[in-house]
Amino acid sequence: CARALLWSFGYWWISVTGKENYGKPIEAPLIVSNHISFVEVLYMIHAHQTMAVGKDTAVNAPFIGTIAQALECIAVSRLDPASRKNCTSEIRRRTRWAFDDETKDALGEYGRWKPLLVFPEGTTTNAESVIQFKPGAFTPGVPVQPVTVRLPYRHLDQAFVGPVSGLDLMFTMFGQVYNRMKVKHIPNEAERADAVLYASHVRANMAASMGVPVTNHSYEDVVLGIEIEAMELKFDEFNVEMGNFNDFGLEKALQQLHRFAELDKDGDGALNRHEFGEFFNMNDRPKIRDALFKKWDRNKDGTINFREFLTQVASQQIRVTRRRNSSVGDIHLPQISPAENRGSGGGSNSPSPRSGRATPSVTAVDEDEQTLMYAFTLCFGA
């Protein structure tokens, strides 16, 4: 049935290589693949009778949901931490059976569960690179069977990416006389204890097999991109690579995106010095503002784009409060009084309470320097 559907979509011939590398479920109960469209799911069902992990909106949809339930698919909400946790537990339950000797002997060579198909990128791509893998599929520590899929084309791209609906994709498929699919099985990977390193190793092997680079883009980049489009922001280039900000999280990144848009008064997609000064509430201290601006402006083009902005905010976990009468973030630097920082001898040196060494007193002339040092420590560490 799945092969008949592929045939009707124009995939008359499917090139498959590396069949000798494909292991039985008891050898590699988990299949990981890149994700371009829905057609590779149909191929995996046809070739390997797989179960699959899919987003809840698809698995629970009318008609498709009935088929998904019959195939014992696992539904997951990508934005719900509890759902992701339950999905990881279910993946473990369905894949560890092959490594429990008692269960394995009782169930035989093919076991209770069919192979489980997971797309560790968590979203569809155009297969021009392999983006960051989510480690959930690798936490059971079982051997995995990597499979790569390519959909070569001459006229119409079959990738289900960007503002493309399912109907658009169908018309694209029917707009060509035939469509092509290339499937390659890579030798399965042995069990590893560290899920993150395991995922990284498998990703590198898959990318090498496809002849494409790996990037730190992730599903979170897709969500940010959709939000940028919805907000009609004029970003000349959107290239955040949320894989670099795993500890920061998507929710905080979205908050900073809205804060960035609020600061960008002229709507040009970047912050100038004055707009940047609004973030720190220091336009009345141009010396400090300009010094910090220079640090944040990594590509030295005289503006701060969203990637530069998020990089600094995320890496330093800057604590931002909100003004009472404004929605723009504001960091309050302390007001430093020269009198409070002078030594007991007026303009003379006084011993440091920690080291006992003489420390120059702060005068009215170098108050800005002291505040500047505090601001740098706040943003970049001591």
Protein backbone atom coordinates (compact mmCIF):
# COMPACT_ATOMS: atom_id res chain seq x y z
CA CYS A 1 0.00 0.00 0.00
CA ALA A 2 2.79 2.46 0.94
CA ARG A 3 4.71 1.58 -2.24
CA ALA A 4 1.55 2.11 -4.30
CA LEU A 5 1.20 5.59 -2.83
CA LEU A 6 4.83 6.37 -3.68
CA TRP A 7 4.25 5.14 -7.21
CA SER A 8 1.18 7.39 -7.56
CA PHE A 9 3.30 10.38 -6.43
CA GLY A 10 5.75 9.73 -9.25
CA TYR A 11 8.41 7.75 -7.37
CA TRP A 12 8.48 4.93 -9.88
CA TRP A 13 12.09 3.89 -9.24
CA ILE A 14 13.83 4.20 -5.89
CA SER A 15 17.59 3.81 -5.78
CA VAL A 16 18.64 1.90 -2.65
CA THR A 17 22.27 1.28 -1.68
CA GLY A 18 23.87 -0.32 1.36
CA LYS A 19 21.18 -2.97 1.84
CA GLU A 20 23.86 -5.25 3.21
CA ASN A 21 24.34 -2.79 6.08
CA TYR A 22 20.75 -3.05 7.27
CA GLY A 23 20.45 -5.01 10.49
CA LYS A 24 17.45 -6.84 11.89
CA PRO A 25 15.48 -5.16 14.71
CA ILE A 26 17.29 -7.26 17.27
CA GLU A 27 20.62 -5.86 16.00
CA ALA A 28 19.55 -2.22 15.56
CA PRO A 29 16.00 -1.57 16.83
CA LEU A 30 16.18 2.15 16.04
CA ILE A 31 16.31 3.69 12.55
CA VAL A 32 17.41 7.33 12.35
CA SER A 33 17.04 9.31 9.14
CA ASN A 34 17.12 12.83 7.80
CA HIS A 35 13.68 14.29 7.11
CA ILE A 36 12.78 16.03 3.83
CA SER A 37 9.10 15.31 3.25
CA PHE A 38 6.47 12.71 4.10
CA VAL A 39 7.55 10.39 1.29
CA GLU A 40 10.51 8.92 3.19
CA VAL A 41 8.04 7.84 5.88
CA LEU A 42 6.12 5.91 3.25
CA TYR A 43 9.33 4.32 2.01
CA MET A 44 10.36 3.22 5.53
CA ILE A 45 6.93 1.69 6.13
CA HIS A 46 7.18 -0.15 2.81
CA ALA A 47 10.79 -1.31 3.20
CA HIS A 48 11.08 -1.94 6.93
CA GLN A 49 7.52 -2.00 8.34
CA THR A 50 8.53 0.68 10.83
CA MET A 51 6.77 2.44 13.62
CA ALA A 52 7.57 6.14 13.78
CA VAL A 53 7.80 9.10 16.11
CA GLY A 54 5.76 12.04 14.80
CA LYS A 55 4.32 15.34 15.92
CA ASP A 56 1.02 15.02 17.71
CA THR A 57 -0.92 17.16 15.22
CA ALA A 58 -0.09 14.67 12.46
CA VAL A 59 -0.37 11.44 14.45
CA ASN A 60 -3.76 12.46 15.85
CA ALA A 61 -5.16 13.92 12.61
CA PRO A 62 -8.28 12.39 11.02
CA PHE A 63 -7.62 9.43 8.68
CA ILE A 64 -3.81 9.78 9.01
CA GLY A 65 -4.19 9.30 12.76
CA THR A 66 -6.00 6.00 12.25
CA ILE A 67 -3.12 4.72 10.11
CA ALA A 68 -0.58 6.03 12.65
CA GLN A 69 -2.33 4.20 15.49
CA ALA A 70 -2.39 0.99 13.48
CA LEU A 71 1.37 1.38 12.96
CA GLU A 72 1.83 2.01 16.71
CA CYS A 73 3.39 5.42 16.14
CA ILE A 74 4.47 7.63 19.05
CA ALA A 75 3.00 11.14 19.21
CA VAL A 76 5.04 14.01 20.64
CA SER A 77 4.42 17.72 21.12
CA ARG A 78 7.74 19.40 20.40
CA LEU A 79 6.96 22.42 22.57
CA ASP A 80 5.70 20.47 25.60
CA PRO A 81 8.51 19.28 27.95
CA ALA A 82 6.27 16.63 29.53
CA SER A 83 5.37 15.23 26.11
CA ARG A 84 9.03 15.11 25.08
CA LYS A 85 9.91 13.30 28.30
CA ASN A 86 7.15 10.74 27.79
CA CYS A 87 8.29 10.23 24.20
CA THR A 88 11.86 9.54 25.33
CA SER A 89 10.60 7.00 27.89
CA GLU A 90 8.49 5.26 25.25
CA ILE A 91 11.42 5.12 22.81
CA ARG A 92 13.47 3.46 25.53
CA ARG A 93 10.71 0.95 26.33
CA ARG A 94 10.33 -0.07 22.69
CA THR A 95 14.04 -0.38 21.89
CA ARG A 96 15.65 -1.85 25.01
CA TRP A 97 13.81 -5.18 24.67
CA ALA A 98 16.57 -6.49 22.40
CA PHE A 99 19.12 -6.05 25.19
CA ASP A 100 17.16 -7.77 27.94
CA ASP A 101 18.28 -11.40 27.61
CA GLU A 102 15.15 -12.89 29.13
CA THR A 103 12.82 -10.83 26.93
CA LYS A 104 14.93 -11.40 23.84
CA ASP A 105 14.89 -15.18 24.25
CA ALA A 106 11.14 -15.21 24.81
CA LEU A 107 10.31 -13.01 21.81
CA GLY A 108 12.68 -14.54 19.31
CA GLU A 109 14.67 -13.07 16.43
CA TYR A 110 12.25 -10.33 15.41
CA GLY A 111 10.89 -9.42 18.82
CA ARG A 112 7.70 -7.75 19.95
CA TRP A 113 8.36 -4.36 18.42
CA LYS A 114 8.98 -3.43 14.83
CA PRO A 115 11.89 -1.07 14.09
CA LEU A 116 11.26 2.44 15.37
CA LEU A 117 11.85 5.31 12.92
CA VAL A 118 13.04 8.61 14.39
CA PHE A 119 13.94 11.86 12.66
CA PRO A 120 16.39 13.30 15.20
CA GLU A 121 16.58 16.70 13.46
CA GLY A 122 13.02 17.23 14.68
CA THR A 123 11.91 19.03 11.50
CA THR A 124 12.13 18.83 7.72
CA THR A 125 15.10 20.27 5.80
CA ASN A 126 16.21 20.56 2.18
CA ALA A 127 19.01 18.00 2.82
CA GLU A 128 21.69 20.57 1.93
CA SER A 129 23.07 20.11 5.43
CA VAL A 130 22.41 18.02 8.53
CA ILE A 131 21.18 20.18 11.39
CA GLN A 132 21.53 19.50 15.09
CA PHE A 133 20.16 16.19 16.38
CA LYS A 134 17.93 16.00 19.44
CA PRO A 135 19.51 13.47 21.84
CA GLY A 136 16.23 11.84 22.95
CA ALA A 137 16.43 9.00 20.42
CA PHE A 138 19.93 8.14 21.60
CA THR A 139 19.28 8.01 25.36
CA PRO A 140 18.41 4.26 25.34
CA GLY A 141 22.00 3.65 24.23
CA VAL A 142 20.98 0.95 21.74
CA PRO A 143 22.63 0.45 18.34
CA VAL A 144 20.97 2.55 15.65
CA GLN A 145 20.61 2.04 11.92
CA PRO A 146 21.38 5.33 10.12
CA VAL A 147 19.60 5.84 6.80
CA THR A 148 20.01 8.84 4.50
CA VAL A 149 17.43 9.98 1.97
CA ARG A 150 17.90 12.35 -0.97
CA LEU A 151 15.20 13.63 -3.33
CA PRO A 152 17.15 14.82 -6.39
CA TYR A 153 15.21 17.07 -8.77
CA ARG A 154 15.69 19.01 -11.96
CA HIS A 155 12.81 21.49 -11.85
CA LEU A 156 10.67 21.31 -8.69
CA ASP A 157 12.04 20.81 -5.17
CA GLN A 158 10.14 18.21 -3.15
CA ALA A 159 11.37 19.44 0.27
CA PHE A 160 8.55 20.24 2.71
CA VAL A 161 10.18 23.42 4.07
CA GLY A 162 9.22 27.07 4.40
CA PRO A 163 5.72 28.42 3.77
CA VAL A 164 4.62 25.32 1.83
CA SER A 165 1.31 23.59 2.50
CA GLY A 166 0.63 19.91 1.96
CA LEU A 167 -1.51 20.85 -1.04
CA ASP A 168 1.35 22.88 -2.53
CA LEU A 169 3.65 19.90 -2.11
CA MET A 170 1.18 17.59 -3.84
CA PHE A 171 0.96 19.93 -6.84
CA THR A 172 4.76 20.08 -6.92
CA MET A 173 4.98 16.29 -7.04
CA PHE A 174 2.39 16.04 -9.80
CA GLY A 175 4.08 18.88 -11.71
CA GLN A 176 6.91 16.59 -12.86
CA VAL A 177 6.76 13.53 -15.06
CA TYR A 178 8.51 11.51 -12.37
CA ASN A 179 10.26 12.07 -9.05
CA ARG A 180 13.47 10.54 -7.72
CA MET A 181 14.46 9.13 -4.35
CA LYS A 182 17.86 7.84 -3.25
CA VAL A 183 18.12 5.81 -0.04
CA LYS A 184 21.39 4.72 1.55
CA HIS A 185 21.85 2.42 4.56
CA ILE A 186 24.95 3.17 6.62
CA PRO A 187 26.57 0.52 8.86
CA ASN A 188 24.81 0.59 12.22
CA GLU A 189 26.44 2.34 15.16
CA ALA A 190 27.37 0.51 18.33
CA GLU A 191 25.84 1.25 21.74
CA ARG A 192 27.19 4.36 23.46
CA ALA A 193 26.68 5.67 26.99
CA ASP A 194 26.64 9.43 26.22
CA ALA A 195 23.49 10.31 24.24
CA VAL A 196 24.76 13.73 23.10
CA LEU A 197 28.10 12.37 21.85
CA TYR A 198 26.32 9.41 20.30
CA ALA A 199 23.94 11.71 18.40
CA SER A 200 26.83 13.89 17.27
CA HIS A 201 28.77 10.88 15.98
CA VAL A 202 25.82 9.49 14.03
CA ARG A 203 25.05 12.94 12.59
CA ALA A 204 28.64 13.35 11.40
CA ASN A 205 28.56 9.93 9.71
CA MET A 206 25.25 10.67 7.99
CA ALA A 207 26.47 14.06 6.77
CA ALA A 208 29.69 12.50 5.44
CA SER A 209 27.65 9.87 3.61
CA MET A 210 25.46 12.57 2.04
CA GLY A 211 28.43 14.81 1.24
CA VAL A 212 26.94 17.80 3.07
CA PRO A 213 28.06 19.84 6.10
CA VAL A 214 26.64 19.74 9.62
CA THR A 215 25.30 22.92 11.17
CA ASN A 216 24.02 23.95 14.60
CA HIS A 217 20.62 24.92 13.24
CA SER A 218 17.73 23.17 14.94
CA TYR A 219 13.95 22.99 15.11
CA GLU A 220 14.03 26.07 17.36
CA ASP A 221 15.42 28.06 14.40
CA VAL A 222 12.33 27.08 12.44
CA VAL A 223 10.07 28.38 15.21
CA LEU A 224 12.04 31.64 15.41
CA GLY A 225 11.85 32.01 11.64
CA ILE A 226 8.07 31.55 11.65
CA GLU A 227 7.77 34.14 14.43
CA ILE A 228 9.97 36.60 12.51
CA GLU A 229 7.77 36.15 9.47
CA ALA A 230 4.60 36.64 11.52
CA MET A 231 6.03 39.81 13.09
CA GLU A 232 7.03 41.07 9.60
CA LEU A 233 10.53 41.93 10.77
CA LYS A 234 12.96 43.12 8.11
CA PHE A 235 15.97 40.97 8.84
CA ASP A 236 18.46 41.00 5.96
CA GLU A 237 19.86 37.71 7.25
CA PHE A 238 18.44 35.29 9.78
CA ASN A 239 21.06 32.84 10.95
CA VAL A 240 20.95 32.22 14.69
CA GLU A 241 21.81 28.50 14.98
CA MET A 242 19.89 27.82 18.17
CA GLY A 243 21.98 24.70 18.69
CA ASN A 244 24.53 27.07 20.21
CA PHE A 245 22.02 28.15 22.87
CA ASN A 246 20.74 24.85 24.26
CA ASP A 247 20.90 26.09 27.84
CA PHE A 248 19.01 29.28 27.00
CA GLY A 249 15.85 27.73 25.59
CA LEU A 250 13.33 28.60 22.91
CA GLU A 251 10.94 30.48 25.21
CA LYS A 252 13.65 32.90 26.33
CA ALA A 253 14.86 33.30 22.74
CA LEU A 254 11.34 34.28 21.64
CA GLN A 255 11.14 36.79 24.49
CA GLN A 256 14.44 38.33 23.39
CA LEU A 257 13.21 38.43 19.79
CA HIS A 258 10.22 40.55 20.85
CA ARG A 259 12.48 42.73 23.01
CA PHE A 260 14.83 43.21 20.05
CA ALA A 261 11.86 44.23 17.86
CA GLU A 262 10.77 46.78 20.51
CA LEU A 263 14.25 48.28 20.61
CA ASP A 264 14.51 48.43 16.82
CA LYS A 265 12.58 51.70 16.51
CA ASP A 266 13.38 52.33 12.83
CA GLY A 267 12.50 48.74 11.86
CA ASP A 268 15.66 48.12 9.85
CA GLY A 269 16.37 44.77 11.51
CA ALA A 270 19.43 45.96 13.49
CA LEU A 271 20.19 48.14 16.52
CA ASN A 272 22.12 51.39 16.20
CA ARG A 273 23.96 52.94 19.13
CA HIS A 274 20.97 54.89 20.43
CA GLU A 275 18.62 51.87 20.23
CA PHE A 276 21.26 49.73 21.94
CA GLY A 277 21.60 52.37 24.67
CA GLU A 278 17.87 52.04 25.38
CA PHE A 279 18.42 48.38 26.27
CA PHE A 280 20.92 49.32 28.99
CA ASN A 281 19.30 52.66 29.87
CA MET A 282 22.64 54.38 29.33
CA ASN A 283 22.18 56.88 26.50
CA ASP A 284 23.09 59.53 29.05
CA ARG A 285 26.46 57.74 29.44
CA PRO A 286 27.73 57.61 25.84
CA LYS A 287 31.25 56.54 26.82
CA ILE A 288 30.01 53.36 28.51
CA ARG A 289 27.35 52.72 25.87
CA ASP A 290 29.83 52.99 22.99
CA ALA A 291 32.34 50.70 24.71
CA LEU A 292 29.70 48.01 25.23
CA PHE A 293 28.33 48.52 21.73
CA LYS A 294 31.78 47.85 20.33
CA LYS A 295 31.97 44.58 22.27
CA TRP A 296 28.53 43.39 21.11
CA ASP A 297 29.10 44.37 17.46
CA ARG A 298 31.06 41.25 16.55
CA ASN A 299 31.13 41.73 12.78
CA LYS A 300 32.11 45.41 13.19
CA ASP A 301 29.49 46.76 10.77
CA GLY A 302 28.30 49.53 13.08
CA THR A 303 25.03 47.79 14.01
CA ILE A 304 23.96 44.85 16.18
CA ASN A 305 21.86 42.18 14.49
CA PHE A 306 19.65 39.70 16.32
CA ARG A 307 22.25 36.93 16.31
CA GLU A 308 24.82 39.21 17.97
CA PHE A 309 22.19 40.43 20.43
CA LEU A 310 21.04 36.92 21.39
CA THR A 311 24.60 35.62 21.60
CA GLN A 312 25.51 38.14 24.28
CA VAL A 313 22.26 37.94 26.22
CA ALA A 314 22.23 34.12 26.18
CA SER A 315 25.90 33.62 26.98
CA GLN A 316 25.85 35.94 29.96
CA GLN A 317 22.28 35.24 31.15
CA ILE A 318 21.90 38.99 31.75
CA ARG A 319 19.23 39.73 34.30
CA VAL A 320 16.86 42.20 32.70
CA THR A 321 14.09 44.05 34.49
CA ARG A 322 11.28 46.01 32.91
CA ARG A 323 10.61 49.67 33.30
CA ARG A 324 7.32 50.56 34.87
CA ASN A 325 6.23 52.72 31.92
CA SER A 326 7.97 50.86 29.11
CA SER A 327 8.11 47.33 27.73
CA VAL A 328 11.76 47.67 26.79
CA GLY A 329 14.30 45.75 28.85
CA ASP A 330 16.54 47.79 31.13
CA ILE A 331 19.65 47.01 33.13
CA HIS A 332 20.30 49.39 36.00
CA LEU A 333 23.92 50.16 36.75
CA PRO A 334 24.68 51.40 40.26
CA GLN A 335 25.26 55.06 40.91
CA ILE A 336 28.82 55.26 42.17
CA SER A 337 29.66 58.11 44.51
CA PRO A 338 33.30 59.26 44.43
CA ALA A 339 33.11 60.05 48.15
CA GLU A 340 32.08 56.47 48.93
CA ASN A 341 35.05 55.10 47.02
CA ARG A 342 37.77 57.44 48.31
CA GLY A 343 40.23 56.09 50.81
CA SER A 344 40.42 57.48 54.32
CA GLY A 345 43.25 59.81 53.26
CA GLY A 346 41.18 61.71 50.70
CA GLY A 347 43.18 61.34 47.51
CA SER A 348 45.74 58.91 48.92
CA ASN A 349 45.92 55.17 48.52
CA SER A 350 44.17 52.90 51.04
CA PRO A 351 44.78 49.21 51.71
CA SER A 352 42.49 46.66 50.08
CA PRO A 353 40.59 44.68 52.75
CA ARG A 354 41.24 41.41 50.82
CA SER A 355 44.85 41.69 49.79
CA GLY A 356 46.22 44.37 52.11
CA ARG A 357 47.74 46.06 49.04
CA ALA A 358 47.25 49.74 48.31
CA THR A 359 44.34 50.49 45.99
CA PRO A 360 43.98 53.85 44.23
CA SER A 361 41.00 55.83 45.44
CA VAL A 362 38.27 56.83 42.97
CA THR A 363 37.93 60.51 42.26
CA ALA A 364 35.22 62.44 40.45
CA VAL A 365 37.33 62.34 37.27
CA ASP A 366 37.37 58.53 36.99
CA GLU A 367 33.79 57.78 38.08
CA ASP A 368 32.84 56.82 34.50
CA GLU A 369 35.81 54.47 34.34
CA GLN A 370 34.62 52.69 37.50
CA THR A 371 31.09 52.38 36.12
CA LEU A 372 32.50 51.16 32.80
CA MET A 373 34.46 48.44 34.61
CA TYR A 374 31.31 47.39 36.45
CA ALA A 375 29.32 47.22 33.20
CA PHE A 376 32.00 45.08 31.55
CA THR A 377 32.08 42.75 34.54
CA LEU A 378 28.28 42.50 34.41
CA CYS A 379 28.25 41.57 30.73
CA PHE A 380 31.50 39.68 30.18
CA GLY A 381 32.67 38.45 33.58
CA ALA A 382 35.50 39.63 35.75
